[in-house]
Amino acid sequence: RPSATKRYPKEIQQLPWYRRTPVQMFIGGFVPFSAIVLQLHQVSVLCGGSTAIFMFGYGIYFYARSRMSGFLQLSFFIGYNACICYAFFLIFGAISFRVSLLFVHHIYHNVKRE
């Protein structure tokens, strides 16, 4: 003989704090925000521009290995190297900022579409 079943199943008990609107609003906003912040942390201005710091360090290494000597050669080499590395820092930083801006725009555009 088959077992008797009820027409409407019993509701599964959930935690009462989870059902409250402020908690659902917090979780609903926190999850996408944290995903975007973690992605932007990897693609921010300083991370893109940090390549120029390594370029400047290699320039110092190159000067130490070369046969240049004297204060004037040192000051010109370090000065021009610093200017070029600063320009690269700004270029790479601007590129990484633009990419991160497009990334955030793309994510919010797709979220808004849903």
PDB file of N, CA and C in Angstrom:
ATOM      1  N   ARG A   1       0.830  -1.163   0.000  1.00  0.00           N
ATOM      2  CA  ARG A   1       0.000   0.000   0.000  1.00  0.00           C
ATOM      3  C   ARG A   1       0.886   1.242   0.000  1.00  0.00           C
ATOM      4  N   PRO A   2       0.659   2.231  -0.885  1.00  0.00           N
ATOM      5  CA  PRO A   2       1.505   3.431  -0.947  1.00  0.00           C
ATOM      6  C   PRO A   2       1.319   4.303   0.285  1.00  0.00           C
ATOM      7  N   SER A   3       2.381   5.021   0.589  1.00  0.00           N
ATOM      8  CA  SER A   3       2.313   5.905   1.759  1.00  0.00           C
ATOM      9  C   SER A   3       1.534   7.164   1.408  1.00  0.00           C
ATOM     10  N   ALA A   4       0.907   7.709   2.396  1.00  0.00           N
ATOM     11  CA  ALA A   4       0.107   8.919   2.176  1.00  0.00           C
ATOM     12  C   ALA A   4       1.010  10.150   2.209  1.00  0.00           C
ATOM     13  N   THR A   5       0.804  11.051   1.283  1.00  0.00           N
ATOM     14  CA  THR A   5       1.564  12.309   1.249  1.00  0.00           C
ATOM     15  C   THR A   5       0.595  13.470   1.353  1.00  0.00           C
ATOM     16  N   LYS A   6       1.093  14.566   1.866  1.00  0.00           N
ATOM     17  CA  LYS A   6       0.272  15.769   1.954  1.00  0.00           C
ATOM     18  C   LYS A   6       0.319  16.514   0.623  1.00  0.00           C
ATOM     19  N   ARG A   7      -0.703  17.253   0.375  1.00  0.00           N
ATOM     20  CA  ARG A   7      -0.773  17.987  -0.881  1.00  0.00           C
ATOM     21  C   ARG A   7       0.268  19.107  -0.926  1.00  0.00           C
ATOM     22  N   TYR A   8       0.473  19.800   0.169  1.00  0.00           N
ATOM     23  CA  TYR A   8       1.450  20.890   0.224  1.00  0.00           C
ATOM     24  C   TYR A   8       2.597  20.447   1.123  1.00  0.00           C
ATOM     25  N   PRO A   9       3.844  20.480   0.603  1.00  0.00           N
ATOM     26  CA  PRO A   9       4.959  20.057   1.458  1.00  0.00           C
ATOM     27  C   PRO A   9       5.216  21.088   2.562  1.00  0.00           C
ATOM     28  N   LYS A  10       5.789  20.624   3.623  1.00  0.00           N
ATOM     29  CA  LYS A  10       6.114  21.497   4.749  1.00  0.00           C
ATOM     30  C   LYS A  10       7.296  22.388   4.373  1.00  0.00           C
ATOM     31  N   GLU A  11       7.210  23.637   4.744  1.00  0.00           N
ATOM     32  CA  GLU A  11       8.275  24.586   4.418  1.00  0.00           C
ATOM     33  C   GLU A  11       9.505  24.289   5.261  1.00  0.00           C
ATOM     34  N   ILE A  12      10.663  24.358   4.619  1.00  0.00           N
ATOM     35  CA  ILE A  12      11.920  24.141   5.337  1.00  0.00           C
ATOM     36  C   ILE A  12      12.196  25.369   6.191  1.00  0.00           C
ATOM     37  N   GLN A  13      12.488  25.137   7.446  1.00  0.00           N
ATOM     38  CA  GLN A  13      12.755  26.249   8.355  1.00  0.00           C
ATOM     39  C   GLN A  13      14.086  26.908   8.008  1.00  0.00           C
ATOM     40  N   GLN A  14      14.073  28.219   7.886  1.00  0.00           N
ATOM     41  CA  GLN A  14      15.288  28.978   7.624  1.00  0.00           C
ATOM     42  C   GLN A  14      15.589  29.835   8.837  1.00  0.00           C
ATOM     43  N   LEU A  15      16.811  30.273   8.901  1.00  0.00           N
ATOM     44  CA  LEU A  15      17.198  31.131  10.011  1.00  0.00           C
ATOM     45  C   LEU A  15      16.432  32.449   9.935  1.00  0.00           C
ATOM     46  N   PRO A  16      15.910  32.925  11.040  1.00  0.00           N
ATOM     47  CA  PRO A  16      15.089  34.146  10.987  1.00  0.00           C
ATOM     48  C   PRO A  16      15.880  35.388  10.582  1.00  0.00           C
ATOM     49  N   TRP A  17      17.173  35.474  10.928  1.00  0.00           N
ATOM     50  CA  TRP A  17      17.941  36.666  10.577  1.00  0.00           C
ATOM     51  C   TRP A  17      18.189  36.734   9.081  1.00  0.00           C
ATOM     52  N   TYR A  18      18.189  35.621   8.403  1.00  0.00           N
ATOM     53  CA  TYR A  18      18.467  35.600   6.978  1.00  0.00           C
ATOM     54  C   TYR A  18      17.291  36.152   6.163  1.00  0.00           C
ATOM     55  N   ARG A  19      16.094  36.058   6.708  1.00  0.00           N
ATOM     56  CA  ARG A  19      14.906  36.483   5.982  1.00  0.00           C
ATOM     57  C   ARG A  19      14.666  37.984   6.070  1.00  0.00           C
ATOM     58  N   ARG A  20      15.333  38.660   6.940  1.00  0.00           N
ATOM     59  CA  ARG A  20      15.098  40.093   7.117  1.00  0.00           C
ATOM     60  C   ARG A  20      15.647  40.879   5.924  1.00  0.00           C
ATOM     61  N   THR A  21      14.945  41.924   5.577  1.00  0.00           N
ATOM     62  CA  THR A  21      15.291  42.718   4.396  1.00  0.00           C
ATOM     63  C   THR A  21      16.663  43.387   4.505  1.00  0.00           C
ATOM     64  N   PRO A  22      17.051  43.989   5.623  1.00  0.00           N
ATOM     65  CA  PRO A  22      18.376  44.619   5.665  1.00  0.00           C
ATOM     66  C   PRO A  22      19.523  43.627   5.444  1.00  0.00           C
ATOM     67  N   VAL A  23      19.388  42.419   5.956  1.00  0.00           N
ATOM     68  CA  VAL A  23      20.443  41.416   5.763  1.00  0.00           C
ATOM     69  C   VAL A  23      20.511  41.006   4.303  1.00  0.00           C
ATOM     70  N   GLN A  24      19.366  40.811   3.667  1.00  0.00           N
ATOM     71  CA  GLN A  24      19.354  40.451   2.259  1.00  0.00           C
ATOM     72  C   GLN A  24      19.897  41.584   1.388  1.00  0.00           C
ATOM     73  N   MET A  25      19.597  42.806   1.753  1.00  0.00           N
ATOM     74  CA  MET A  25      20.144  43.948   1.013  1.00  0.00           C
ATOM     75  C   MET A  25      21.660  44.016   1.162  1.00  0.00           C
ATOM     76  N   PHE A  26      22.156  43.752   2.387  1.00  0.00           N
ATOM     77  CA  PHE A  26      23.595  43.793   2.618  1.00  0.00           C
ATOM     78  C   PHE A  26      24.306  42.716   1.809  1.00  0.00           C
ATOM     79  N   ILE A  27      23.809  41.503   1.858  1.00  0.00           N
ATOM     80  CA  ILE A  27      24.449  40.402   1.132  1.00  0.00           C
ATOM     81  C   ILE A  27      24.338  40.612  -0.369  1.00  0.00           C
ATOM     82  N   GLY A  28      23.170  41.087  -0.824  1.00  0.00           N
ATOM     83  CA  GLY A  28      22.972  41.334  -2.246  1.00  0.00           C
ATOM     84  C   GLY A  28      23.871  42.416  -2.801  1.00  0.00           C
ATOM     85  N   GLY A  29      24.257  43.375  -1.999  1.00  0.00           N
ATOM     86  CA  GLY A  29      25.160  44.430  -2.458  1.00  0.00           C
ATOM     87  C   GLY A  29      26.616  44.122  -2.185  1.00  0.00           C
ATOM     88  N   PHE A  30      26.879  43.352  -1.130  1.00  0.00           N
ATOM     89  CA  PHE A  30      28.261  43.078  -0.727  1.00  0.00           C
ATOM     90  C   PHE A  30      28.960  42.117  -1.680  1.00  0.00           C
ATOM     91  N   VAL A  31      28.262  41.115  -2.162  1.00  0.00           N
ATOM     92  CA  VAL A  31      28.889  40.100  -3.014  1.00  0.00           C
ATOM     93  C   VAL A  31      29.378  40.713  -4.335  1.00  0.00           C
ATOM     94  N   PRO A  32      28.556  41.444  -5.103  1.00  0.00           N
ATOM     95  CA  PRO A  32      29.097  42.040  -6.326  1.00  0.00           C
ATOM     96  C   PRO A  32      30.160  43.097  -6.052  1.00  0.00           C
ATOM     97  N   PHE A  33      29.970  43.880  -4.985  1.00  0.00           N
ATOM     98  CA  PHE A  33      30.950  44.914  -4.651  1.00  0.00           C
ATOM     99  C   PHE A  33      32.307  44.289  -4.333  1.00  0.00           C
ATOM    100  N   SER A  34      32.323  43.215  -3.560  1.00  0.00           N
ATOM    101  CA  SER A  34      33.603  42.585  -3.210  1.00  0.00           C
ATOM    102  C   SER A  34      34.272  41.982  -4.437  1.00  0.00           C
ATOM    103  N   ALA A  35      33.490  41.433  -5.354  1.00  0.00           N
ATOM    104  CA  ALA A  35      34.081  40.888  -6.586  1.00  0.00           C
ATOM    105  C   ALA A  35      34.722  41.989  -7.417  1.00  0.00           C
ATOM    106  N   ILE A  36      34.068  43.125  -7.508  1.00  0.00           N
ATOM    107  CA  ILE A  36      34.619  44.236  -8.291  1.00  0.00           C
ATOM    108  C   ILE A  36      35.851  44.811  -7.617  1.00  0.00           C
ATOM    109  N   VAL A  37      35.819  44.947  -6.299  1.00  0.00           N
ATOM    110  CA  VAL A  37      36.979  45.497  -5.587  1.00  0.00           C
ATOM    111  C   VAL A  37      38.187  44.582  -5.726  1.00  0.00           C
ATOM    112  N   LEU A  38      37.969  43.280  -5.645  1.00  0.00           N
ATOM    113  CA  LEU A  38      39.095  42.353  -5.801  1.00  0.00           C
ATOM    114  C   LEU A  38      39.680  42.428  -7.201  1.00  0.00           C
ATOM    115  N   GLN A  39      38.844  42.575  -8.215  1.00  0.00           N
ATOM    116  CA  GLN A  39      39.356  42.695  -9.572  1.00  0.00           C
ATOM    117  C   GLN A  39      40.087  44.026  -9.774  1.00  0.00           C
ATOM    118  N   LEU A  40      39.541  45.092  -9.209  1.00  0.00           N
ATOM    119  CA  LEU A  40      40.181  46.392  -9.369  1.00  0.00           C
ATOM    120  C   LEU A  40      41.483  46.488  -8.596  1.00  0.00           C
ATOM    121  N   HIS A  41      41.614  45.704  -7.541  1.00  0.00           N
ATOM    122  CA  HIS A  41      42.869  45.704  -6.791  1.00  0.00           C
ATOM    123  C   HIS A  41      44.006  45.188  -7.665  1.00  0.00           C
ATOM    124  N   GLN A  42      43.691  44.262  -8.548  1.00  0.00           N
ATOM    125  CA  GLN A  42      44.709  43.714  -9.439  1.00  0.00           C
ATOM    126  C   GLN A  42      44.976  44.622 -10.627  1.00  0.00           C
ATOM    127  N   VAL A  43      44.002  45.411 -11.030  1.00  0.00           N
ATOM    128  CA  VAL A  43      44.152  46.271 -12.197  1.00  0.00           C
ATOM    129  C   VAL A  43      43.952  47.717 -11.724  1.00  0.00           C
ATOM    130  N   SER A  44      44.834  48.245 -10.924  1.00  0.00           N
ATOM    131  CA  SER A  44      44.757  49.654 -10.546  1.00  0.00           C
ATOM    132  C   SER A  44      45.956  50.364 -11.098  1.00  0.00           C
ATOM    133  N   VAL A  45      45.958  51.666 -10.870  1.00  0.00           N
ATOM    134  CA  VAL A  45      47.011  52.502 -11.473  1.00  0.00           C
ATOM    135  C   VAL A  45      48.400  52.089 -10.990  1.00  0.00           C
ATOM    136  N   LEU A  46      48.536  51.803  -9.712  1.00  0.00           N
ATOM    137  CA  LEU A  46      49.870  51.509  -9.183  1.00  0.00           C
ATOM    138  C   LEU A  46      50.403  50.165  -9.660  1.00  0.00           C
ATOM    139  N   CYS A  47      49.524  49.189  -9.816  1.00  0.00           N
ATOM    140  CA  CYS A  47      49.986  47.875 -10.299  1.00  0.00           C
ATOM    141  C   CYS A  47      50.479  47.975 -11.733  1.00  0.00           C
ATOM    142  N   GLY A  48      49.780  48.743 -12.564  1.00  0.00           N
ATOM    143  CA  GLY A  48      50.230  48.913 -13.944  1.00  0.00           C
ATOM    144  C   GLY A  48      51.511  49.714 -14.030  1.00  0.00           C
ATOM    145  N   GLY A  49      51.629  50.722 -13.186  1.00  0.00           N
ATOM    146  CA  GLY A  49      52.816  51.574 -13.229  1.00  0.00           C
ATOM    147  C   GLY A  49      54.027  50.990 -12.544  1.00  0.00           C
ATOM    148  N   SER A  50      53.843  49.923 -11.774  1.00  0.00           N
ATOM    149  CA  SER A  50      54.978  49.353 -11.046  1.00  0.00           C
ATOM    150  C   SER A  50      56.039  48.758 -11.976  1.00  0.00           C
ATOM    151  N   THR A  51      55.691  48.510 -13.214  1.00  0.00           N
ATOM    152  CA  THR A  51      56.687  48.037 -14.179  1.00  0.00           C
ATOM    153  C   THR A  51      57.793  49.067 -14.345  1.00  0.00           C
ATOM    154  N   ALA A  52      57.451  50.342 -14.277  1.00  0.00           N
ATOM    155  CA  ALA A  52      58.445  51.403 -14.436  1.00  0.00           C
ATOM    156  C   ALA A  52      59.441  51.406 -13.284  1.00  0.00           C
ATOM    157  N   ILE A  53      59.014  50.973 -12.104  1.00  0.00           N
ATOM    158  CA  ILE A  53      59.943  50.889 -10.973  1.00  0.00           C
ATOM    159  C   ILE A  53      61.025  49.853 -11.252  1.00  0.00           C
ATOM    160  N   PHE A  54      60.623  48.730 -11.831  1.00  0.00           N
ATOM    161  CA  PHE A  54      61.613  47.712 -12.197  1.00  0.00           C
ATOM    162  C   PHE A  54      62.519  48.196 -13.333  1.00  0.00           C
ATOM    163  N   MET A  55      61.967  48.995 -14.242  1.00  0.00           N
ATOM    164  CA  MET A  55      62.797  49.569 -15.302  1.00  0.00           C
ATOM    165  C   MET A  55      63.851  50.501 -14.712  1.00  0.00           C
ATOM    166  N   PHE A  56      63.457  51.306 -13.722  1.00  0.00           N
ATOM    167  CA  PHE A  56      64.412  52.208 -13.079  1.00  0.00           C
ATOM    168  C   PHE A  56      65.484  51.414 -12.330  1.00  0.00           C
ATOM    169  N   GLY A  57      65.068  50.345 -11.658  1.00  0.00           N
ATOM    170  CA  GLY A  57      66.033  49.488 -10.969  1.00  0.00           C
ATOM    171  C   GLY A  57      67.021  48.859 -11.940  1.00  0.00           C
ATOM    172  N   TYR A  58      66.532  48.439 -13.103  1.00  0.00           N
ATOM    173  CA  TYR A  58      67.437  47.880 -14.103  1.00  0.00           C
ATOM    174  C   TYR A  58      68.371  48.955 -14.638  1.00  0.00           C
ATOM    175  N   GLY A  59      67.897  50.189 -14.749  1.00  0.00           N
ATOM    176  CA  GLY A  59      68.769  51.281 -15.181  1.00  0.00           C
ATOM    177  C   GLY A  59      69.913  51.507 -14.204  1.00  0.00           C
ATOM    178  N   ILE A  60      69.645  51.418 -12.923  1.00  0.00           N
ATOM    179  CA  ILE A  60      70.706  51.539 -11.912  1.00  0.00           C
ATOM    180  C   ILE A  60      71.676  50.378 -12.027  1.00  0.00           C
ATOM    181  N   TYR A  61      71.145  49.178 -12.228  1.00  0.00           N
ATOM    182  CA  TYR A  61      71.995  47.999 -12.425  1.00  0.00           C
ATOM    183  C   TYR A  61      72.864  48.172 -13.672  1.00  0.00           C
ATOM    184  N   PHE A  62      72.272  48.702 -14.747  1.00  0.00           N
ATOM    185  CA  PHE A  62      73.024  48.927 -15.977  1.00  0.00           C
ATOM    186  C   PHE A  62      74.153  49.937 -15.753  1.00  0.00           C
ATOM    187  N   TYR A  63      73.857  50.997 -14.998  1.00  0.00           N
ATOM    188  CA  TYR A  63      74.889  52.004 -14.722  1.00  0.00           C
ATOM    189  C   TYR A  63      76.026  51.405 -13.894  1.00  0.00           C
ATOM    190  N   ALA A  64      75.685  50.572 -12.932  1.00  0.00           N
ATOM    191  CA  ALA A  64      76.722  49.968 -12.092  1.00  0.00           C
ATOM    192  C   ALA A  64      77.613  49.031 -12.902  1.00  0.00           C
ATOM    193  N   ARG A  65      77.063  48.366 -13.916  1.00  0.00           N
ATOM    194  CA  ARG A  65      77.841  47.432 -14.729  1.00  0.00           C
ATOM    195  C   ARG A  65      78.596  48.123 -15.859  1.00  0.00           C
ATOM    196  N   SER A  66      78.257  49.380 -16.153  1.00  0.00           N
ATOM    197  CA  SER A  66      78.913  50.080 -17.259  1.00  0.00           C
ATOM    198  C   SER A  66      80.225  50.702 -16.791  1.00  0.00           C
ATOM    199  N   ARG A  67      80.915  51.294 -17.733  1.00  0.00           N
ATOM    200  CA  ARG A  67      82.205  51.926 -17.418  1.00  0.00           C
ATOM    201  C   ARG A  67      82.068  53.425 -17.219  1.00  0.00           C
ATOM    202  N   MET A  68      80.862  53.889 -17.020  1.00  0.00           N
ATOM    203  CA  MET A  68      80.661  55.318 -16.807  1.00  0.00           C
ATOM    204  C   MET A  68      81.173  55.695 -15.422  1.00  0.00           C
ATOM    205  N   SER A  69      81.690  56.905 -15.335  1.00  0.00           N
ATOM    206  CA  SER A  69      82.175  57.385 -14.045  1.00  0.00           C
ATOM    207  C   SER A  69      82.004  58.903 -14.012  1.00  0.00           C
ATOM    208  N   GLY A  70      82.037  59.441 -12.838  1.00  0.00           N
ATOM    209  CA  GLY A  70      81.902  60.884 -12.691  1.00  0.00           C
ATOM    210  C   GLY A  70      80.494  61.281 -12.283  1.00  0.00           C
ATOM    211  N   PHE A  71      80.457  62.405 -11.590  1.00  0.00           N
ATOM    212  CA  PHE A  71      79.183  62.886 -11.069  1.00  0.00           C
ATOM    213  C   PHE A  71      78.252  63.353 -12.180  1.00  0.00           C
ATOM    214  N   LEU A  72      78.811  63.994 -13.202  1.00  0.00           N
ATOM    215  CA  LEU A  72      77.986  64.519 -14.281  1.00  0.00           C
ATOM    216  C   LEU A  72      77.309  63.397 -15.065  1.00  0.00           C
ATOM    217  N   GLN A  73      78.066  62.344 -15.384  1.00  0.00           N
ATOM    218  CA  GLN A  73      77.456  61.213 -16.085  1.00  0.00           C
ATOM    219  C   GLN A  73      76.409  60.533 -15.225  1.00  0.00           C
ATOM    220  N   LEU A  74      76.704  60.381 -13.931  1.00  0.00           N
ATOM    221  CA  LEU A  74      75.742  59.764 -13.015  1.00  0.00           C
ATOM    222  C   LEU A  74      74.460  60.591 -12.935  1.00  0.00           C
ATOM    223  N   SER A  75      74.599  61.898 -12.788  1.00  0.00           N
ATOM    224  CA  SER A  75      73.401  62.742 -12.646  1.00  0.00           C
ATOM    225  C   SER A  75      72.583  62.771 -13.933  1.00  0.00           C
ATOM    226  N   PHE A  76      73.246  62.852 -15.092  1.00  0.00           N
ATOM    227  CA  PHE A  76      72.507  62.823 -16.344  1.00  0.00           C
ATOM    228  C   PHE A  76      71.818  61.481 -16.559  1.00  0.00           C
ATOM    229  N   PHE A  77      72.528  60.396 -16.307  1.00  0.00           N
ATOM    230  CA  PHE A  77      71.955  59.066 -16.525  1.00  0.00           C
ATOM    231  C   PHE A  77      70.762  58.827 -15.600  1.00  0.00           C
ATOM    232  N   ILE A  78      70.936  59.117 -14.320  1.00  0.00           N
ATOM    233  CA  ILE A  78      69.837  58.903 -13.364  1.00  0.00           C
ATOM    234  C   ILE A  78      68.681  59.856 -13.652  1.00  0.00           C
ATOM    235  N   GLY A  79      68.987  61.102 -14.004  1.00  0.00           N
ATOM    236  CA  GLY A  79      67.936  62.072 -14.299  1.00  0.00           C
ATOM    237  C   GLY A  79      67.104  61.688 -15.509  1.00  0.00           C
ATOM    238  N   TYR A  80      67.778  61.353 -16.622  1.00  0.00           N
ATOM    239  CA  TYR A  80      67.040  60.949 -17.815  1.00  0.00           C
ATOM    240  C   TYR A  80      66.316  59.622 -17.595  1.00  0.00           C
ATOM    241  N   ASN A  81      66.953  58.710 -16.903  1.00  0.00           N
ATOM    242  CA  ASN A  81      66.314  57.427 -16.609  1.00  0.00           C
ATOM    243  C   ASN A  81      65.066  57.641 -15.746  1.00  0.00           C
ATOM    244  N   ALA A  82      65.152  58.524 -14.769  1.00  0.00           N
ATOM    245  CA  ALA A  82      63.991  58.802 -13.921  1.00  0.00           C
ATOM    246  C   ALA A  82      62.857  59.435 -14.728  1.00  0.00           C
ATOM    247  N   CYS A  83      63.187  60.362 -15.632  1.00  0.00           N
ATOM    248  CA  CYS A  83      62.152  60.991 -16.461  1.00  0.00           C
ATOM    249  C   CYS A  83      61.467  59.975 -17.374  1.00  0.00           C
ATOM    250  N   ILE A  84      62.258  59.120 -17.996  1.00  0.00           N
ATOM    251  CA  ILE A  84      61.685  58.115 -18.894  1.00  0.00           C
ATOM    252  C   ILE A  84      60.848  57.112 -18.106  1.00  0.00           C
ATOM    253  N   CYS A  85      61.351  56.673 -16.961  1.00  0.00           N
ATOM    254  CA  CYS A  85      60.587  55.718 -16.156  1.00  0.00           C
ATOM    255  C   CYS A  85      59.314  56.341 -15.599  1.00  0.00           C
ATOM    256  N   TYR A  86      59.353  57.617 -15.271  1.00  0.00           N
ATOM    257  CA  TYR A  86      58.149  58.296 -14.813  1.00  0.00           C
ATOM    258  C   TYR A  86      57.117  58.378 -15.935  1.00  0.00           C
ATOM    259  N   ALA A  87      57.579  58.645 -17.157  1.00  0.00           N
ATOM    260  CA  ALA A  87      56.670  58.673 -18.298  1.00  0.00           C
ATOM    261  C   ALA A  87      56.039  57.296 -18.510  1.00  0.00           C
ATOM    262  N   PHE A  88      56.858  56.241 -18.417  1.00  0.00           N
ATOM    263  CA  PHE A  88      56.305  54.890 -18.538  1.00  0.00           C
ATOM    264  C   PHE A  88      55.334  54.576 -17.405  1.00  0.00           C
ATOM    265  N   PHE A  89      55.628  55.067 -16.197  1.00  0.00           N
ATOM    266  CA  PHE A  89      54.714  54.871 -15.073  1.00  0.00           C
ATOM    267  C   PHE A  89      53.355  55.495 -15.364  1.00  0.00           C
ATOM    268  N   LEU A  90      53.368  56.702 -15.902  1.00  0.00           N
ATOM    269  CA  LEU A  90      52.107  57.365 -16.237  1.00  0.00           C
ATOM    270  C   LEU A  90      51.376  56.666 -17.380  1.00  0.00           C
ATOM    271  N   ILE A  91      52.129  56.210 -18.378  1.00  0.00           N
ATOM    272  CA  ILE A  91      51.510  55.527 -19.514  1.00  0.00           C
ATOM    273  C   ILE A  91      50.875  54.212 -19.069  1.00  0.00           C
ATOM    274  N   PHE A  92      51.653  53.376 -18.368  1.00  0.00           N
ATOM    275  CA  PHE A  92      51.134  52.077 -17.937  1.00  0.00           C
ATOM    276  C   PHE A  92      50.017  52.242 -16.910  1.00  0.00           C
ATOM    277  N   GLY A  93      50.142  53.236 -16.045  1.00  0.00           N
ATOM    278  CA  GLY A  93      49.086  53.497 -15.077  1.00  0.00           C
ATOM    279  C   GLY A  93      47.797  53.951 -15.746  1.00  0.00           C
ATOM    280  N   ALA A  94      47.924  54.798 -16.768  1.00  0.00           N
ATOM    281  CA  ALA A  94      46.728  55.256 -17.488  1.00  0.00           C
ATOM    282  C   ALA A  94      46.070  54.106 -18.238  1.00  0.00           C
ATOM    283  N   ILE A  95      46.883  53.241 -18.822  1.00  0.00           N
ATOM    284  CA  ILE A  95      46.329  52.083 -19.533  1.00  0.00           C
ATOM    285  C   ILE A  95      45.605  51.160 -18.564  1.00  0.00           C
ATOM    286  N   SER A  96      46.214  50.872 -17.425  1.00  0.00           N
ATOM    287  CA  SER A  96      45.566  49.973 -16.469  1.00  0.00           C
ATOM    288  C   SER A  96      44.313  50.606 -15.868  1.00  0.00           C
ATOM    289  N   PHE A  97      44.327  51.920 -15.666  1.00  0.00           N
ATOM    290  CA  PHE A  97      43.115  52.591 -15.185  1.00  0.00           C
ATOM    291  C   PHE A  97      42.003  52.502 -16.215  1.00  0.00           C
ATOM    292  N   ARG A  98      42.337  52.712 -17.462  1.00  0.00           N
ATOM    293  CA  ARG A  98      41.325  52.648 -18.529  1.00  0.00           C
ATOM    294  C   ARG A  98      40.739  51.240 -18.641  1.00  0.00           C
ATOM    295  N   VAL A  99      41.593  50.240 -18.549  1.00  0.00           N
ATOM    296  CA  VAL A  99      41.118  48.856 -18.617  1.00  0.00           C
ATOM    297  C   VAL A  99      40.199  48.547 -17.442  1.00  0.00           C
ATOM    298  N   SER A 100      40.577  48.985 -16.251  1.00  0.00           N
ATOM    299  CA  SER A 100      39.725  48.728 -15.086  1.00  0.00           C
ATOM    300  C   SER A 100      38.399  49.479 -15.194  1.00  0.00           C
ATOM    301  N   LEU A 101      38.424  50.679 -15.744  1.00  0.00           N
ATOM    302  CA  LEU A 101      37.188  51.433 -15.934  1.00  0.00           C
ATOM    303  C   LEU A 101      36.265  50.726 -16.923  1.00  0.00           C
ATOM    304  N   LEU A 102      36.822  50.220 -18.014  1.00  0.00           N
ATOM    305  CA  LEU A 102      36.021  49.475 -18.979  1.00  0.00           C
ATOM    306  C   LEU A 102      35.482  48.185 -18.372  1.00  0.00           C
ATOM    307  N   PHE A 103      36.285  47.541 -17.522  1.00  0.00           N
ATOM    308  CA  PHE A 103      35.855  46.313 -16.860  1.00  0.00           C
ATOM    309  C   PHE A 103      34.659  46.571 -15.955  1.00  0.00           C
ATOM    310  N   VAL A 104      34.736  47.604 -15.145  1.00  0.00           N
ATOM    311  CA  VAL A 104      33.627  47.928 -14.242  1.00  0.00           C
ATOM    312  C   VAL A 104      32.393  48.330 -15.048  1.00  0.00           C
ATOM    313  N   HIS A 105      32.594  49.103 -16.094  1.00  0.00           N
ATOM    314  CA  HIS A 105      31.459  49.492 -16.939  1.00  0.00           C
ATOM    315  C   HIS A 105      30.811  48.264 -17.558  1.00  0.00           C
ATOM    316  N   HIS A 106      31.599  47.326 -18.017  1.00  0.00           N
ATOM    317  CA  HIS A 106      31.074  46.094 -18.632  1.00  0.00           C
ATOM    318  C   HIS A 106      30.298  45.263 -17.618  1.00  0.00           C
ATOM    319  N   ILE A 107      30.827  45.145 -16.396  1.00  0.00           N
ATOM    320  CA  ILE A 107      30.135  44.360 -15.372  1.00  0.00           C
ATOM    321  C   ILE A 107      28.804  45.007 -14.999  1.00  0.00           C
ATOM    322  N   TYR A 108      28.804  46.289 -14.735  1.00  0.00           N
ATOM    323  CA  TYR A 108      27.567  46.947 -14.351  1.00  0.00           C
ATOM    324  C   TYR A 108      26.561  46.989 -15.500  1.00  0.00           C
ATOM    325  N   HIS A 109      27.044  47.066 -16.711  1.00  0.00           N
ATOM    326  CA  HIS A 109      26.147  47.056 -17.861  1.00  0.00           C
ATOM    327  C   HIS A 109      25.441  45.706 -17.965  1.00  0.00           C
ATOM    328  N   ASN A 110      26.183  44.614 -17.761  1.00  0.00           N
ATOM    329  CA  ASN A 110      25.579  43.277 -17.818  1.00  0.00           C
ATOM    330  C   ASN A 110      24.659  43.015 -16.643  1.00  0.00           C
ATOM    331  N   VAL A 111      24.997  43.520 -15.463  1.00  0.00           N
ATOM    332  CA  VAL A 111      24.141  43.338 -14.298  1.00  0.00           C
ATOM    333  C   VAL A 111      22.840  44.104 -14.482  1.00  0.00           C
ATOM    334  N   LYS A 112      22.945  45.307 -15.030  1.00  0.00           N
ATOM    335  CA  LYS A 112      21.753  46.115 -15.238  1.00  0.00           C
ATOM    336  C   LYS A 112      20.841  45.487 -16.293  1.00  0.00           C
ATOM    337  N   ARG A 113      21.413  44.774 -17.250  1.00  0.00           N
ATOM    338  CA  ARG A 113      20.645  44.132 -18.296  1.00  0.00           C
ATOM    339  C   ARG A 113      19.793  42.992 -17.762  1.00  0.00           C
ATOM    340  N   GLU A 114      20.295  42.302 -16.727  1.00  0.00           N
ATOM    341  CA  GLU A 114      19.547  41.181 -16.145  1.00  0.00           C
ATOM    342  C   GLU A 114      18.391  41.732 -15.385  1.00  0.00           C
TER     343      GLU A 114
END
